[in-house]
Amino acid sequence: MFPSVSLLALGGALLVADGLPALNVEPGCRAAAKMGDSLSLDTSLRQCLADEKTARDELEKEWTQFSAALRERCVATTETGGNPSYVEVLVCLQMGRDAARMDKPSDRGRLRD
């Protein structure tokens, strides 16, 4: 029984490493929209979903530029204890990439674009 569980867990990790996972962002956007008071619920929900789509589009373009380990960690983080978010995954990946760049010595001692 345990080997099949291990294979399932490993299979999930491989899927994350290979391609952008499908996240259900709507519940998180609905919850965020209910907390806002400056815009109508419908407008807030549409804006949140648009932000998530923009982040997903960016992730689709850049996904393979990030290490598999970083991708797995960022997806696991967004899926743990809350509503998953492409915006959160994108920010996590960008921060991980930038932190790795800061650890490498450079000619000018600053981040490269």
C-alpha atoms as a PDB file:
ATOM      1  CA  MET A   1       0.000   0.000   0.000  1.00  0.00           C
ATOM      2  CA  PHE A   2       2.749   2.458   0.876  1.00  0.00           C
ATOM      3  CA  PRO A   3       4.624   2.127  -2.438  1.00  0.00           C
ATOM      4  CA  SER A   4       1.539   3.185  -4.388  1.00  0.00           C
ATOM      5  CA  VAL A   5       1.151   6.252  -2.173  1.00  0.00           C
ATOM      6  CA  SER A   6       4.797   7.110  -2.779  1.00  0.00           C
ATOM      7  CA  LEU A   7       4.335   6.725  -6.510  1.00  0.00           C
ATOM      8  CA  LEU A   8       1.276   8.936  -6.453  1.00  0.00           C
ATOM      9  CA  ALA A   9       3.146  11.613  -4.535  1.00  0.00           C
ATOM     10  CA  LEU A  10       6.110  11.324  -6.859  1.00  0.00           C
ATOM     11  CA  GLY A  11       3.830  11.416  -9.893  1.00  0.00           C
ATOM     12  CA  GLY A  12       2.283  14.659  -8.675  1.00  0.00           C
ATOM     13  CA  ALA A  13       5.701  16.193  -8.190  1.00  0.00           C
ATOM     14  CA  LEU A  14       6.707  15.189 -11.703  1.00  0.00           C
ATOM     15  CA  LEU A  15       3.596  16.795 -13.124  1.00  0.00           C
ATOM     16  CA  VAL A  16       4.417  20.029 -11.343  1.00  0.00           C
ATOM     17  CA  ALA A  17       7.969  19.895 -12.651  1.00  0.00           C
ATOM     18  CA  ASP A  18       6.825  19.220 -16.217  1.00  0.00           C
ATOM     19  CA  GLY A  19       4.031  21.728 -16.628  1.00  0.00           C
ATOM     20  CA  LEU A  20       2.058  24.465 -14.979  1.00  0.00           C
ATOM     21  CA  PRO A  21      -0.569  22.905 -12.700  1.00  0.00           C
ATOM     22  CA  ALA A  22      -4.233  23.808 -12.967  1.00  0.00           C
ATOM     23  CA  LEU A  23      -5.214  25.752  -9.845  1.00  0.00           C
ATOM     24  CA  ASN A  24      -8.772  26.545  -8.818  1.00  0.00           C
ATOM     25  CA  VAL A  25      -8.366  30.246  -8.034  1.00  0.00           C
ATOM     26  CA  GLU A  26     -12.048  31.182  -7.993  1.00  0.00           C
ATOM     27  CA  PRO A  27     -12.723  30.333  -4.305  1.00  0.00           C
ATOM     28  CA  GLY A  28      -9.789  32.516  -3.250  1.00  0.00           C
ATOM     29  CA  CYS A  29     -10.969  35.374  -5.440  1.00  0.00           C
ATOM     30  CA  ARG A  30     -14.499  35.067  -4.067  1.00  0.00           C
ATOM     31  CA  ALA A  31     -13.188  35.194  -0.497  1.00  0.00           C
ATOM     32  CA  ALA A  32     -10.989  38.205  -1.269  1.00  0.00           C
ATOM     33  CA  ALA A  33     -13.854  40.002  -3.021  1.00  0.00           C
ATOM     34  CA  LYS A  34     -16.080  39.562   0.032  1.00  0.00           C
ATOM     35  CA  MET A  35     -13.441  41.226   2.220  1.00  0.00           C
ATOM     36  CA  GLY A  36     -13.140  44.312   0.021  1.00  0.00           C
ATOM     37  CA  ASP A  37     -15.445  47.251   0.511  1.00  0.00           C
ATOM     38  CA  SER A  38     -14.314  49.830  -2.026  1.00  0.00           C
ATOM     39  CA  LEU A  39     -15.671  48.032  -5.092  1.00  0.00           C
ATOM     40  CA  SER A  40     -18.709  45.930  -5.707  1.00  0.00           C
ATOM     41  CA  LEU A  41     -18.391  42.209  -5.100  1.00  0.00           C
ATOM     42  CA  ASP A  42     -18.727  41.482  -8.818  1.00  0.00           C
ATOM     43  CA  THR A  43     -16.094  44.051  -9.817  1.00  0.00           C
ATOM     44  CA  SER A  44     -13.658  42.813  -7.163  1.00  0.00           C
ATOM     45  CA  LEU A  45     -14.164  39.208  -8.235  1.00  0.00           C
ATOM     46  CA  ARG A  46     -13.617  40.045 -11.915  1.00  0.00           C
ATOM     47  CA  GLN A  47     -10.450  42.014 -11.099  1.00  0.00           C
ATOM     48  CA  CYS A  48      -9.051  39.188  -8.984  1.00  0.00           C
ATOM     49  CA  LEU A  49      -9.756  36.611 -11.690  1.00  0.00           C
ATOM     50  CA  ALA A  50      -8.142  38.908 -14.282  1.00  0.00           C
ATOM     51  CA  ASP A  51      -5.044  39.243 -12.074  1.00  0.00           C
ATOM     52  CA  GLU A  52      -4.879  35.458 -11.721  1.00  0.00           C
ATOM     53  CA  LYS A  53      -5.182  35.019 -15.505  1.00  0.00           C
ATOM     54  CA  THR A  54      -2.409  37.541 -16.100  1.00  0.00           C
ATOM     55  CA  ALA A  55      -0.173  35.703 -13.626  1.00  0.00           C
ATOM     56  CA  ARG A  56      -1.023  32.340 -15.231  1.00  0.00           C
ATOM     57  CA  ASP A  57      -0.185  33.707 -18.696  1.00  0.00           C
ATOM     58  CA  GLU A  58       3.161  34.965 -17.399  1.00  0.00           C
ATOM     59  CA  LEU A  59       3.854  31.625 -15.726  1.00  0.00           C
ATOM     60  CA  GLU A  60       3.103  29.764 -18.960  1.00  0.00           C
ATOM     61  CA  LYS A  61       5.763  31.848 -20.724  1.00  0.00           C
ATOM     62  CA  GLU A  62       8.401  31.575 -17.981  1.00  0.00           C
ATOM     63  CA  TRP A  63       7.664  28.191 -16.350  1.00  0.00           C
ATOM     64  CA  THR A  64      10.670  26.312 -17.745  1.00  0.00           C
ATOM     65  CA  GLN A  65      13.067  29.128 -16.795  1.00  0.00           C
ATOM     66  CA  PHE A  66      12.689  28.208 -13.122  1.00  0.00           C
ATOM     67  CA  SER A  67      14.274  25.124 -11.583  1.00  0.00           C
ATOM     68  CA  ALA A  68      12.040  22.101 -11.032  1.00  0.00           C
ATOM     69  CA  ALA A  69      12.790  22.210  -7.298  1.00  0.00           C
ATOM     70  CA  LEU A  70      11.717  25.848  -7.036  1.00  0.00           C
ATOM     71  CA  ARG A  71       8.561  25.201  -9.073  1.00  0.00           C
ATOM     72  CA  GLU A  72       7.619  22.275  -6.848  1.00  0.00           C
ATOM     73  CA  ARG A  73       8.246  24.274  -3.673  1.00  0.00           C
ATOM     74  CA  CYS A  74       6.216  27.283  -4.811  1.00  0.00           C
ATOM     75  CA  VAL A  75       3.259  25.200  -5.983  1.00  0.00           C
ATOM     76  CA  ALA A  76       3.296  23.173  -2.759  1.00  0.00           C
ATOM     77  CA  THR A  77       3.340  26.400  -0.751  1.00  0.00           C
ATOM     78  CA  THR A  78       0.303  27.856  -2.511  1.00  0.00           C
ATOM     79  CA  GLU A  79      -1.640  24.603  -2.169  1.00  0.00           C
ATOM     80  CA  THR A  80      -0.991  24.322   1.579  1.00  0.00           C
ATOM     81  CA  GLY A  81      -3.479  25.745   4.046  1.00  0.00           C
ATOM     82  CA  GLY A  82      -5.444  28.080   1.846  1.00  0.00           C
ATOM     83  CA  ASN A  83      -6.690  28.969  -1.575  1.00  0.00           C
ATOM     84  CA  PRO A  84      -4.152  28.430  -4.365  1.00  0.00           C
ATOM     85  CA  SER A  85      -3.091  31.418  -6.435  1.00  0.00           C
ATOM     86  CA  TYR A  86      -1.098  31.855  -9.638  1.00  0.00           C
ATOM     87  CA  VAL A  87      -0.105  35.311  -8.390  1.00  0.00           C
ATOM     88  CA  GLU A  88       1.385  33.691  -5.279  1.00  0.00           C
ATOM     89  CA  VAL A  89       3.231  31.071  -7.349  1.00  0.00           C
ATOM     90  CA  LEU A  90       4.633  33.745  -9.676  1.00  0.00           C
ATOM     91  CA  VAL A  91       5.843  35.933  -6.813  1.00  0.00           C
ATOM     92  CA  CYS A  92       7.382  32.918  -5.048  1.00  0.00           C
ATOM     93  CA  LEU A  93       9.245  31.906  -8.213  1.00  0.00           C
ATOM     94  CA  GLN A  94      10.484  35.434  -8.880  1.00  0.00           C
ATOM     95  CA  MET A  95      11.698  35.816  -5.297  1.00  0.00           C
ATOM     96  CA  GLY A  96      13.440  32.435  -5.429  1.00  0.00           C
ATOM     97  CA  ARG A  97      15.130  33.320  -8.717  1.00  0.00           C
ATOM     98  CA  ASP A  98      16.231  36.726  -7.447  1.00  0.00           C
ATOM     99  CA  ALA A  99      17.544  35.264  -4.184  1.00  0.00           C
ATOM    100  CA  ALA A 100      19.603  32.730  -6.145  1.00  0.00           C
ATOM    101  CA  ARG A 101      21.035  35.535  -8.274  1.00  0.00           C
ATOM    102  CA  MET A 102      22.034  37.484  -5.174  1.00  0.00           C
ATOM    103  CA  ASP A 103      23.928  34.440  -3.888  1.00  0.00           C
ATOM    104  CA  LYS A 104      26.058  34.339  -7.045  1.00  0.00           C
ATOM    105  CA  PRO A 105      28.982  36.744  -7.257  1.00  0.00           C
ATOM    106  CA  SER A 106      28.622  39.262 -10.063  1.00  0.00           C
ATOM    107  CA  ASP A 107      30.904  41.851 -11.586  1.00  0.00           C
ATOM    108  CA  ARG A 108      28.880  44.734 -10.221  1.00  0.00           C
ATOM    109  CA  GLY A 109      27.555  43.178  -7.016  1.00  0.00           C
ATOM    110  CA  ARG A 110      23.912  43.731  -7.957  1.00  0.00           C
ATOM    111  CA  LEU A 111      21.022  41.873  -9.526  1.00  0.00           C
ATOM    112  CA  ARG A 112      21.133  41.293 -13.242  1.00  0.00           C
ATOM    113  CA  ASP A 113      18.030  41.683 -15.374  1.00  0.00           C
END
